[in-house]
C-alpha cells in the first residue's frame, strides 16, 4: 500500500530540485530564454537550458549529479540522460555529448521520477582552412585546381562551407569561377582564404616572362610605336620604358623584394645610358626581337641622337655631329639581372675623353663598393674615382647603406668603371665609363639581400651566357672576376 511522505521530506525534495538549474549550467554554455515550465501543480520547478555545440564529435560532459541549496552534492543521487534525437546527438558511455549531425537534439533528464528536457543545438564553426594546391610556383598562363577544405575544431569536414578568397595582387593571379587558380603575369601574390574565424594563406609565384604594352599583355614580336610605354617582367625583375625619362635611352629596372617592387636602377635616370652625351631625342624605332616563354629582348634605335659638346661642357673645338646608336636589352626567365648592349653606328669622333656609360648612376650612396682589387666607401671620396684601368675584366659590387638590394655591375668588355662625386647633387654610384668609340654593354644584377649569389658568380654567368659576341676570356680571368664573397 502506498504510504504518503511526510511534509518535511517533500520540502527537502523540493529544495534539492529547485537548484537543478545550477547542475545544468555545469555542462552548458550561456543561458538563453528558459524552456516551457512544468504544470503549476508540480511541487518543484525544474528549468532546462539551451546549449550550443560548435563541432561534431565529442563535446561537453552531461551533468549527472544533484546538489542541495548550499551547492553540496547529494551522495548516491545521480541524474540520467536519454537522447530523443540520436541521429543528431547522443551520449557516450562516459557521459559526454556526441554530436553526429548539424541540427537540434533533445535529452531527457531523470532523477527520482522527475524529468526535464535539455535542448542542444549542433552546428559546425570553422576552426581550420586547408588549401590543396599542387604547386606554389606556376608557369605563366598556367591554371591549377584550387581545393579548399574547412574543418571544425574536432577535425570534421564542414560541407558547403562559405569561403571568401582574397588575392593581394590580382594582376599576378586570379581565381576563376570554376575554382581554378590562373597565372596572369610573372610576380608573387598572397592568396588568403577565409571561412568564419578561420583562415589560411599561401604565397604563389608566377614564373616566365611577359610584355605589357600600353597597359595590355602582348605576345607579338615586331615594331611598336616609339611613343609606347612598356614593361618587360619576369618573377624577379621588371624593365620599364616610357617617353620622358631624364636619360631618354635608359630603362628603369625594378627588383621584387617579397611582394613589393623596389628600384634596381635610378627612378627617372634608369640605367644611366649616356652615349657621348645625354640622350634627349625619342627613339626612331622600337622593336621586340624576341618574345617567348624564356626571354624577351627589345631593340631601341636612336637615329636622331647627336653629340652636343657645348651643351655638356666640352671645349669649343669639339664640334656637334650626328651620333646614332641602338640599345638592346634582354631579360630572361627567373634571373635577377638583365643584359644591355649599345651598338654605335656613327663614324668615330676625333675627340678624346668622350664618354660612353651604363650602370647604376643616379643611385647615390653612402655605399660600399668592392671589386677584385678595390674596396672603399663612397662617402669617403673627395672626388670622382675611376678604376679598373688595368684592362682586365672585373665585376663591381654596389651595396648601399640601408638598402634592401645587392647590386652587381659586370662590364662586358675590358672597360673602366667610375664612382662619381657631384657637388651639391650626390655622390656614390657605379657605372661603366668608356672613352672608346666602340660598342659596349653590361649585365646589371640586383637581388634582395640574402637571396643572391656572389659577385664572382654573377660575373661568370654574365660572360658565359652573354647573348652578344664578346671577346674570349680565360678561366683564370673568370676565376678572379669580382669579389669572391
Protein backbone atom coordinates (compact mmCIF):
# COMPACT_ATOMS: atom_id res chain seq x y z
CA UNK A 1 0.00 0.00 0.00
CA UNK A 2 1.37 3.41 -1.00
CA UNK A 3 2.35 5.46 2.00
CA UNK A 4 2.34 9.29 1.82
CA UNK A 5 5.64 11.06 2.52
CA UNK A 6 5.83 13.42 5.49
CA UNK A 7 5.61 17.14 4.67
CA UNK A 8 9.24 17.74 5.77
CA UNK A 9 10.52 15.11 3.35
CA UNK A 10 8.55 16.64 0.49
CA UNK A 11 10.01 20.06 1.36
CA UNK A 12 13.57 18.67 1.27
CA UNK A 13 12.96 17.06 -2.11
CA UNK A 14 11.67 20.35 -3.47
CA UNK A 15 14.76 22.16 -2.22
CA UNK A 16 17.04 19.69 -3.98
CA UNK A 17 15.45 20.05 -7.39
CA UNK A 18 14.88 23.75 -7.16
CA UNK A 19 18.63 24.06 -7.73
CA UNK A 20 18.86 21.71 -10.65
CA UNK A 21 19.40 24.67 -13.00
CA UNK A 22 22.85 25.13 -11.46
CA UNK A 23 23.52 21.49 -12.25
CA UNK A 24 22.72 22.07 -15.92
CA UNK A 25 24.99 25.08 -16.06
CA UNK A 26 27.97 22.85 -15.41
CA UNK A 27 27.67 21.31 -18.86
CA UNK A 28 26.12 24.08 -20.92
CA UNK A 29 27.06 27.38 -22.50
CA UNK A 30 25.49 30.77 -21.99
CA UNK A 31 21.82 30.65 -20.97
CA UNK A 32 19.03 31.69 -23.28
CA UNK A 33 15.31 32.01 -22.74
CA UNK A 34 14.01 29.25 -20.43
CA UNK A 35 12.05 26.35 -21.84
CA UNK A 36 8.43 25.67 -21.02
CA UNK A 37 7.95 25.10 -17.30
CA UNK A 38 6.13 22.10 -15.80
CA UNK A 39 2.47 22.44 -14.93
CA UNK A 40 1.63 24.61 -11.93
CA UNK A 41 0.55 21.55 -9.91
CA UNK A 42 4.11 20.19 -9.95
CA UNK A 43 5.63 20.70 -6.48
CA UNK A 44 9.02 21.73 -7.97
CA UNK A 45 10.07 23.82 -10.98
CA UNK A 46 12.97 22.41 -12.98
CA UNK A 47 14.15 24.67 -15.82
CA UNK A 48 16.18 23.31 -18.75
CA UNK A 49 18.79 25.31 -20.65
CA UNK A 50 19.67 25.54 -24.37
CA UNK A 51 23.30 24.81 -25.22
CA UNK A 52 25.25 25.02 -28.48
CA UNK A 53 27.94 22.69 -29.73
CA UNK A 54 30.26 24.16 -32.41
CA UNK A 55 31.59 20.91 -33.80
CA UNK A 56 30.73 17.30 -34.48
CA UNK A 57 32.15 14.50 -32.37
CA UNK A 58 32.67 14.51 -28.63
CA UNK A 59 31.56 17.64 -26.82
CA UNK A 60 30.97 18.59 -23.19
CA UNK A 61 30.05 16.17 -20.47
CA UNK A 62 26.41 15.91 -19.46
CA UNK A 63 25.86 16.70 -15.74
CA UNK A 64 24.79 13.73 -13.63
CA UNK A 65 24.97 14.93 -10.03
CA UNK A 66 22.33 16.65 -7.90
CA UNK A 67 23.18 19.32 -5.37
CA UNK A 68 21.37 20.88 -2.43
CA UNK A 69 20.61 24.52 -1.73
CA UNK A 70 24.16 25.06 -0.44
CA UNK A 71 25.67 23.57 -3.60
CA UNK A 72 26.73 20.32 -1.97
CA UNK A 73 26.42 17.12 -3.94
CA UNK A 74 23.75 14.71 -2.70
CA UNK A 75 25.53 11.34 -2.37
CA UNK A 76 24.22 8.37 -4.33
CA UNK A 77 21.81 10.54 -6.28
CA UNK A 78 22.54 10.98 -9.99
CA UNK A 79 20.55 12.23 -12.94
CA UNK A 80 20.39 10.08 -16.03
CA UNK A 81 20.04 11.34 -19.62
CA UNK A 82 18.23 9.79 -22.54
CA UNK A 83 18.58 11.15 -26.14
CA UNK A 84 15.39 11.82 -28.07
CA UNK A 85 17.18 12.67 -31.36
CA UNK A 86 20.03 10.16 -31.55
CA UNK A 87 20.75 10.87 -35.23
CA UNK A 88 21.77 14.39 -34.26
CA UNK A 89 23.36 13.79 -30.85
CA UNK A 90 23.77 11.04 -28.31
CA UNK A 91 25.87 10.44 -25.24
CA UNK A 92 28.97 8.30 -24.84
CA UNK A 93 29.17 5.71 -22.05
CA UNK A 94 31.33 8.20 -20.15
CA UNK A 95 28.54 10.78 -20.30
CA UNK A 96 29.98 13.04 -23.00
CA UNK A 97 27.79 14.61 -25.65
CA UNK A 98 28.42 13.04 -29.02
CA UNK A 99 27.28 15.16 -31.98
CA UNK A 100 26.58 13.28 -35.21
CA UNK A 101 24.99 15.90 -37.46
CA UNK A 102 24.06 19.55 -37.60
CA UNK A 103 20.63 20.22 -36.10
CA UNK A 104 18.70 20.29 -32.83
CA UNK A 105 18.71 17.45 -30.31
CA UNK A 106 16.86 16.83 -27.04
CA UNK A 107 17.93 14.91 -23.94
CA UNK A 108 15.55 13.91 -21.14
CA UNK A 109 16.95 14.11 -17.61
CA UNK A 110 15.54 11.81 -14.99
CA UNK A 111 16.13 11.79 -11.24
CA UNK A 112 13.74 10.44 -8.56
CA UNK A 113 10.99 10.22 -11.09
CA UNK A 114 11.19 13.89 -12.05
CA UNK A 115 12.07 14.68 -15.68
CA UNK A 116 13.25 17.67 -17.64
CA UNK A 117 14.44 18.22 -21.22
CA UNK A 118 17.77 19.69 -22.29
CA UNK A 119 17.92 21.06 -25.81
CA UNK A 120 21.20 21.06 -27.72
CA UNK A 121 21.85 22.97 -30.95
CA UNK A 122 24.64 21.37 -33.01
CA UNK A 123 26.48 23.47 -35.58
CA UNK A 124 29.94 23.48 -37.12
CA UNK A 125 32.09 26.58 -36.69
CA UNK A 126 35.20 26.70 -38.92
CA UNK A 127 38.38 26.14 -36.96
CA UNK A 128 40.81 25.35 -39.78
CA UNK A 129 41.05 26.03 -43.51
CA UNK A 130 43.13 23.63 -45.60
CA UNK A 131 44.37 24.64 -49.06
CA UNK A 132 45.19 21.89 -51.53
CA UNK A 133 47.35 23.41 -54.26
CA UNK A 134 49.67 21.08 -56.10
CA UNK A 135 52.36 23.76 -56.50
CA UNK A 136 53.25 27.19 -55.10
CA UNK A 137 55.05 28.11 -58.32
CA UNK A 138 53.06 28.41 -61.52
CA UNK A 139 54.21 28.84 -65.08
CA UNK A 140 52.87 31.90 -66.86
CA UNK A 141 49.37 31.27 -68.28
CA UNK A 142 49.01 28.02 -66.33
CA UNK A 143 45.89 27.05 -64.37
CA UNK A 144 45.73 24.79 -61.32
CA UNK A 145 42.71 23.44 -59.45
CA UNK A 146 42.29 25.08 -56.07
CA UNK A 147 40.70 22.79 -53.49
CA UNK A 148 39.72 24.13 -50.10
CA UNK A 149 38.59 22.08 -47.09
CA UNK A 150 37.12 23.63 -43.95
CA UNK A 151 37.11 21.68 -40.68
CA UNK A 152 35.66 22.25 -37.22
CA UNK A 153 37.68 22.02 -34.02
CA UNK A 154 37.14 18.25 -33.84
CA UNK A 155 38.60 17.91 -37.37
CA UNK A 156 35.26 17.08 -39.03
CA UNK A 157 34.81 18.45 -42.54
CA UNK A 158 32.23 21.21 -42.86
CA UNK A 159 30.32 20.54 -46.08
CA UNK A 160 29.38 23.51 -48.28
CA UNK A 161 31.31 25.93 -46.07
CA UNK A 162 31.36 29.53 -47.29
CA UNK A 163 34.92 30.56 -48.20
CA UNK A 164 35.93 34.09 -49.14
CA UNK A 165 39.02 34.45 -51.34
CA UNK A 166 41.34 37.46 -51.44
CA UNK A 167 44.38 37.94 -53.70
CA UNK A 168 46.99 40.53 -52.75
CA UNK A 169 47.88 41.29 -56.39
CA UNK A 170 45.17 40.49 -58.92
CA UNK A 171 47.50 41.30 -61.82
CA UNK A 172 49.58 38.21 -60.92
CA UNK A 173 46.97 35.53 -60.14
CA UNK A 174 43.20 35.23 -60.27
CA UNK A 175 40.68 32.68 -59.01
CA UNK A 176 38.33 31.58 -61.78
CA UNK A 177 34.66 30.81 -61.47
CA UNK A 178 35.46 27.10 -61.66
CA UNK A 179 37.69 27.36 -58.60
CA UNK A 180 40.97 27.18 -60.52
CA UNK A 181 43.95 29.41 -59.91
CA UNK A 182 45.19 31.16 -63.04
CA UNK A 183 48.67 32.67 -63.57
CA UNK A 184 48.34 36.05 -65.29
CA UNK A 185 51.73 37.78 -65.01
CA UNK A 186 55.14 36.96 -63.53
CA UNK A 187 55.44 38.01 -59.92
CA UNK A 188 54.27 36.98 -56.47
CA UNK A 189 50.95 37.28 -54.68
CA UNK A 190 49.42 36.04 -51.44
CA UNK A 191 46.21 34.04 -51.58
CA UNK A 192 44.04 34.35 -48.45
CA UNK A 193 41.05 32.05 -47.85
CA UNK A 194 38.69 32.95 -45.02
CA UNK A 195 35.83 30.90 -43.58
CA UNK A 196 34.27 32.35 -40.46
CA UNK A 197 37.03 32.93 -37.89
CA UNK A 198 39.46 30.54 -39.64
CA UNK A 199 41.81 31.42 -42.49
CA UNK A 200 44.76 30.15 -44.47
CA UNK A 201 47.31 31.89 -46.69
CA UNK A 202 49.58 30.70 -49.48
CA UNK A 203 52.13 32.71 -51.42
CA UNK A 204 52.10 31.92 -55.11
CA UNK A 205 54.93 32.80 -57.50
CA UNK A 206 54.36 33.00 -61.25
CA UNK A 207 57.45 32.42 -63.39
CA UNK A 208 58.01 33.27 -67.03
CA UNK A 209 58.46 36.47 -68.99
CA UNK A 210 55.75 38.79 -70.22
CA UNK A 211 55.35 42.05 -72.10
CA UNK A 212 52.81 44.66 -71.06
CA UNK A 213 52.46 47.16 -73.89
CA UNK A 214 50.45 50.32 -73.22
CA UNK A 215 48.72 48.62 -70.31
CA UNK A 216 47.85 45.35 -72.06
CA UNK A 217 49.53 41.97 -72.32
CA UNK A 218 51.18 41.48 -75.72
CA UNK A 219 52.53 38.26 -77.22
CA UNK A 220 53.69 39.57 -80.60
CA UNK A 221 57.22 40.38 -81.78
CA UNK A 222 57.94 43.21 -84.19
CA UNK A 223 57.94 47.02 -84.18
CA UNK A 224 55.79 49.14 -81.88
CA UNK A 225 55.09 52.86 -81.67
CA UNK A 226 58.01 54.98 -80.42
CA UNK A 227 55.62 56.71 -78.02
CA UNK A 228 54.54 53.42 -76.43
CA UNK A 229 55.00 52.65 -72.77
CA UNK A 230 56.01 49.10 -71.99
CA UNK A 231 57.10 46.80 -69.19
CA UNK A 232 59.05 43.57 -69.60
CA UNK A 233 58.77 41.42 -66.50
CA UNK A 234 59.67 38.07 -65.01
CA UNK A 235 59.01 36.89 -61.47
CA UNK A 236 62.12 38.66 -60.15
CA UNK A 237 62.78 41.78 -62.24
CA UNK A 238 60.94 44.14 -64.50
CA UNK A 239 62.21 46.67 -67.03
CA UNK A 240 60.15 49.72 -67.90
CA UNK A 241 60.45 52.38 -70.58
CA UNK A 242 58.40 55.47 -71.19
CA UNK A 243 58.89 58.73 -73.07
CA UNK A 244 60.18 61.50 -70.85
CA UNK A 245 62.84 59.72 -68.81
CA UNK A 246 65.67 62.03 -67.74
CA UNK A 247 68.06 59.83 -69.67
CA UNK A 248 65.95 59.20 -72.76
CA UNK A 249 67.58 55.93 -73.82
CA UNK A 250 67.69 54.39 -70.37
CA UNK A 251 65.50 51.68 -68.91
CA UNK A 252 64.10 51.74 -65.37
CA UNK A 253 64.68 48.39 -63.66
CA UNK A 254 62.95 47.14 -60.52
CA UNK A 255 63.56 44.09 -58.34
CA UNK A 256 60.93 42.16 -56.40
CA UNK A 257 61.53 42.04 -52.64
CA UNK A 258 58.80 39.86 -51.16
CA UNK A 259 55.71 41.09 -52.95
CA UNK A 260 56.95 44.64 -53.47
CA UNK A 261 58.86 46.07 -56.43
CA UNK A 262 61.76 48.32 -55.42
CA UNK A 263 64.13 50.32 -57.66
CA UNK A 264 67.08 48.40 -59.05
CA UNK A 265 68.24 51.40 -61.09
CA UNK A 266 67.60 55.07 -60.50
CA UNK A 267 63.97 56.18 -60.95
CA UNK A 268 63.94 58.70 -63.79
CA UNK A 269 67.58 58.14 -64.74
CA UNK A 270 67.12 54.42 -65.29
CA UNK A 271 70.32 52.56 -66.12
CA UNK A 272 72.19 55.81 -66.91
CA UNK A 273 72.67 55.23 -70.63
CA UNK A 274 74.94 58.05 -71.81
CA UNK A 275 76.25 57.92 -75.39
CA UNK A 276 78.76 60.75 -75.85
CA UNK A 277 76.18 62.96 -74.14
CA UNK A 278 72.73 62.64 -72.62
CA UNK A 279 70.13 61.24 -74.98
CA UNK A 280 67.42 63.86 -75.42
CA UNK A 281 65.63 62.53 -78.50
CA UNK A 282 62.90 59.93 -78.80
CA UNK A 283 63.85 56.61 -80.36
CA UNK A 284 63.32 56.41 -84.10
CA UNK A 285 62.22 52.78 -83.76
CA UNK A 286 61.36 50.22 -81.08
CA UNK A 287 61.21 46.53 -81.94
CA UNK A 288 60.65 43.42 -79.87
CA UNK A 289 63.07 40.95 -81.43
CA UNK A 290 62.50 38.00 -79.06
CA UNK A 291 59.35 37.16 -77.13
CA UNK A 292 58.91 33.59 -75.94
CA UNK A 293 58.43 31.70 -72.71
CA UNK A 294 62.09 32.01 -71.70
CA UNK A 295 63.18 35.54 -72.60
CA UNK A 296 62.20 38.88 -74.07
CA UNK A 297 64.55 41.21 -75.93
CA UNK A 298 63.84 44.63 -77.40
CA UNK A 299 65.93 46.96 -79.55
CA UNK A 300 65.57 50.73 -79.49
CA UNK A 301 67.29 52.76 -82.22
CA UNK A 302 68.11 56.42 -81.72
CA UNK A 303 68.80 57.59 -85.26
CA UNK A 304 68.36 61.24 -84.32
CA UNK A 305 70.86 61.29 -81.46
CA UNK A 306 73.58 63.94 -81.71
CA UNK A 307 76.80 64.64 -79.90
CA UNK A 308 76.24 68.11 -78.37
CA UNK A 309 79.55 69.14 -76.82
CA UNK A 310 78.77 72.76 -75.93
CA UNK A 311 75.57 71.74 -74.16
CA UNK A 312 77.52 69.41 -71.87
CA UNK A 313 80.63 71.46 -71.15
CA UNK A 314 83.16 70.22 -73.71
CA UNK A 315 85.83 72.58 -75.11
CA UNK A 316 84.92 74.90 -78.00
CA UNK A 317 86.92 72.88 -80.55
CA UNK A 318 84.56 69.91 -80.11
CA UNK A 319 82.02 70.06 -82.92
CA UNK A 320 78.41 68.91 -82.81
CA UNK A 321 77.65 65.94 -85.03
CA UNK A 322 75.21 63.08 -85.58
CA UNK A 323 75.90 60.08 -83.38
CA UNK A 324 73.21 57.38 -83.96
CA UNK A 325 73.16 54.19 -81.94
CA UNK A 326 70.86 51.37 -80.82
CA UNK A 327 70.47 49.65 -77.50
CA UNK A 328 69.20 46.12 -76.91
CA UNK A 329 68.02 44.84 -73.54
CA UNK A 330 67.31 41.19 -72.75
CA UNK A 331 65.51 39.77 -69.70
CA UNK A 332 65.41 36.03 -69.13
CA UNK A 333 63.06 33.93 -67.05
CA UNK A 334 63.97 33.63 -63.38
CA UNK A 335 67.04 35.91 -63.42
CA UNK A 336 67.86 38.74 -61.04
CA UNK A 337 69.68 40.61 -63.81
CA UNK A 338 69.44 41.69 -67.45
CA UNK A 339 71.78 42.27 -70.38
CA UNK A 340 72.09 45.65 -72.06
CA UNK A 341 74.15 46.27 -75.18
CA UNK A 342 74.86 49.55 -77.01
CA UNK A 343 75.83 49.40 -80.65
CA UNK A 344 77.41 52.55 -82.08
CA UNK A 345 76.52 53.32 -85.71
CA UNK A 346 78.22 56.65 -86.38
CA UNK A 347 81.73 57.45 -87.51
CA UNK A 348 84.18 57.57 -84.60
CA UNK A 349 84.86 61.13 -83.47
CA UNK A 350 88.36 62.58 -83.39
CA UNK A 351 87.94 63.92 -79.85
CA UNK A 352 89.38 62.38 -76.67
CA UNK A 353 87.51 61.71 -73.41
CA UNK A 354 84.05 61.38 -74.95
CA UNK A 355 82.18 59.19 -72.51
CA UNK A 356 80.01 56.11 -73.04
CA UNK A 357 78.24 54.92 -69.91
CA UNK A 358 75.74 52.47 -68.49
CA UNK A 359 75.08 51.22 -64.96
CA UNK A 360 73.73 52.29 -61.60
CA UNK A 361 74.31 56.03 -61.99
CA UNK A 362 71.88 58.22 -60.09
CA UNK A 363 71.54 55.72 -57.22
CA UNK A 364 73.73 57.61 -54.79
CA UNK A 365 75.36 56.43 -51.57
CA UNK A 366 76.50 56.15 -48.90
CA UNK A 367 77.59 52.74 -50.05
CA UNK A 368 80.32 50.13 -50.04
CA UNK A 369 81.90 49.37 -53.42
CA UNK A 370 84.06 46.29 -54.00
CA UNK A 371 85.81 44.71 -56.97
CA UNK A 372 88.50 42.03 -57.06
CA UNK A 373 91.07 44.78 -56.36
CA UNK A 374 89.15 47.64 -54.72
CA UNK A 375 87.12 48.15 -51.57
CA UNK A 376 86.04 51.61 -50.47
CA UNK A 377 83.15 53.58 -49.06
CA UNK A 378 81.68 56.21 -51.34
CA UNK A 379 81.21 58.79 -48.58
CA UNK A 380 85.00 58.89 -48.12
CA UNK A 381 85.69 60.08 -51.69
CA UNK A 382 86.78 63.71 -52.20
CA UNK A 383 86.26 63.48 -55.98
CA UNK A 384 85.34 61.07 -58.78
CA UNK A 385 87.09 57.73 -58.63
CA UNK A 386 87.83 55.96 -61.91
CA UNK A 387 89.08 52.39 -61.53
CA UNK A 388 89.53 49.02 -63.24
CA UNK A 389 92.06 50.67 -65.52
CA UNK A 390 94.33 47.61 -65.86
CA UNK A 391 92.47 46.41 -68.93
CA UNK A 392 91.17 43.20 -67.37
CA UNK A 393 87.65 42.01 -66.71
CA UNK A 394 86.02 42.63 -63.35
CA UNK A 395 82.68 42.93 -61.60
CA UNK A 396 81.75 45.58 -59.08
CA UNK A 397 79.51 45.00 -56.07
CA UNK A 398 77.47 48.04 -55.01
CA UNK A 399 75.94 47.82 -51.51
CA UNK A 400 74.02 50.93 -50.49
CA UNK A 401 73.65 51.56 -46.77
CA UNK A 402 70.14 50.67 -45.58
CA UNK A 403 69.06 49.31 -48.97
CA UNK A 404 67.21 46.04 -49.45
CA UNK A 405 69.02 45.15 -52.68
CA UNK A 406 72.53 43.95 -53.51
CA UNK A 407 73.70 45.13 -56.94
CA UNK A 408 76.45 43.87 -59.22
CA UNK A 409 77.60 45.52 -62.45
CA UNK A 410 79.55 43.39 -64.93
CA UNK A 411 81.07 45.31 -67.88
CA UNK A 412 81.03 43.12 -70.98
CA UNK A 413 84.47 44.25 -72.02
CA UNK A 414 87.75 45.42 -70.57
CA UNK A 415 86.19 48.70 -69.54
CA UNK A 416 86.81 51.23 -66.83
CA UNK A 417 84.34 51.95 -64.04
CA UNK A 418 83.61 55.18 -62.24
CA UNK A 419 82.13 56.26 -58.93
CA UNK A 420 81.15 59.93 -59.22
CA UNK A 421 81.05 62.77 -56.75
CA UNK A 422 78.71 65.51 -57.94
CA UNK A 423 78.98 68.54 -55.64
CA UNK A 424 75.57 69.68 -54.47
CA UNK A 425 73.80 66.76 -56.13
CA UNK A 426 75.01 63.37 -54.98
CA UNK A 427 77.91 61.01 -54.53
CA UNK A 428 78.48 57.32 -54.80
CA UNK A 429 77.14 55.07 -57.52
CA UNK A 430 78.88 52.99 -60.13
CA UNK A 431 78.73 52.69 -63.90
CA UNK A 432 80.79 51.76 -66.93
CA UNK A 433 82.85 54.71 -68.17
CA UNK A 434 84.39 54.05 -71.58
CA UNK A 435 86.24 56.52 -73.80
CA UNK A 436 86.48 54.06 -76.67
CA UNK A 437 84.46 54.54 -79.88
CA UNK A 438 83.18 51.01 -79.95
CA UNK A 439 80.06 49.10 -78.95
CA UNK A 440 79.79 48.28 -75.27
CA UNK A 441 77.45 46.76 -72.71
CA UNK A 442 76.95 45.30 -69.28
CA UNK A 443 74.99 42.86 -67.17
CA UNK A 444 73.07 44.64 -64.41
CA UNK A 445 72.19 42.42 -61.46
CA UNK A 446 70.03 43.36 -58.47
CA UNK A 447 68.81 40.76 -55.96
CA UNK A 448 67.23 41.02 -52.49
CA UNK A 449 69.81 40.87 -49.71
CA UNK A 450 70.38 37.28 -48.68
CA UNK A 451 68.87 35.72 -51.81
CA UNK A 452 71.58 36.41 -54.35
CA UNK A 453 74.95 34.90 -55.16
CA UNK A 454 78.49 36.31 -55.06
CA UNK A 455 79.62 38.98 -57.49
CA UNK A 456 82.15 36.49 -58.84
CA UNK A 457 79.38 34.03 -59.70
CA UNK A 458 77.40 36.85 -61.36
CA UNK A 459 80.47 37.75 -63.45
CA UNK A 460 80.88 34.17 -64.65
CA UNK A 461 77.20 33.96 -65.56
CA UNK A 462 77.33 37.24 -67.49
CA UNK A 463 80.37 36.34 -69.56
CA UNK A 464 79.44 32.72 -70.28
CA UNK A 465 75.80 33.37 -71.22
CA UNK A 466 76.06 36.77 -72.93
CA UNK A 467 73.63 37.00 -75.89
CA UNK A 468 76.08 39.09 -77.91
CA UNK A 469 79.51 38.31 -79.24
CA UNK A 470 82.11 39.23 -76.62
CA UNK A 471 85.84 38.76 -76.67
CA UNK A 472 87.15 35.46 -75.31
CA UNK A 473 88.18 35.38 -71.68
CA UNK A 474 90.20 32.74 -69.90
CA UNK A 475 89.17 30.56 -67.00
CA UNK A 476 91.77 32.30 -64.87
CA UNK A 477 90.17 35.68 -65.64
CA UNK A 478 86.74 34.39 -64.71
CA UNK A 479 88.11 32.88 -61.51
CA UNK A 480 89.34 36.31 -60.43
CA UNK A 481 86.48 38.47 -61.66
CA UNK A 482 84.78 40.41 -58.86
CA UNK A 483 84.89 39.91 -55.08
CA UNK A 484 84.63 36.23 -54.21
CA UNK A 485 82.12 36.56 -51.37
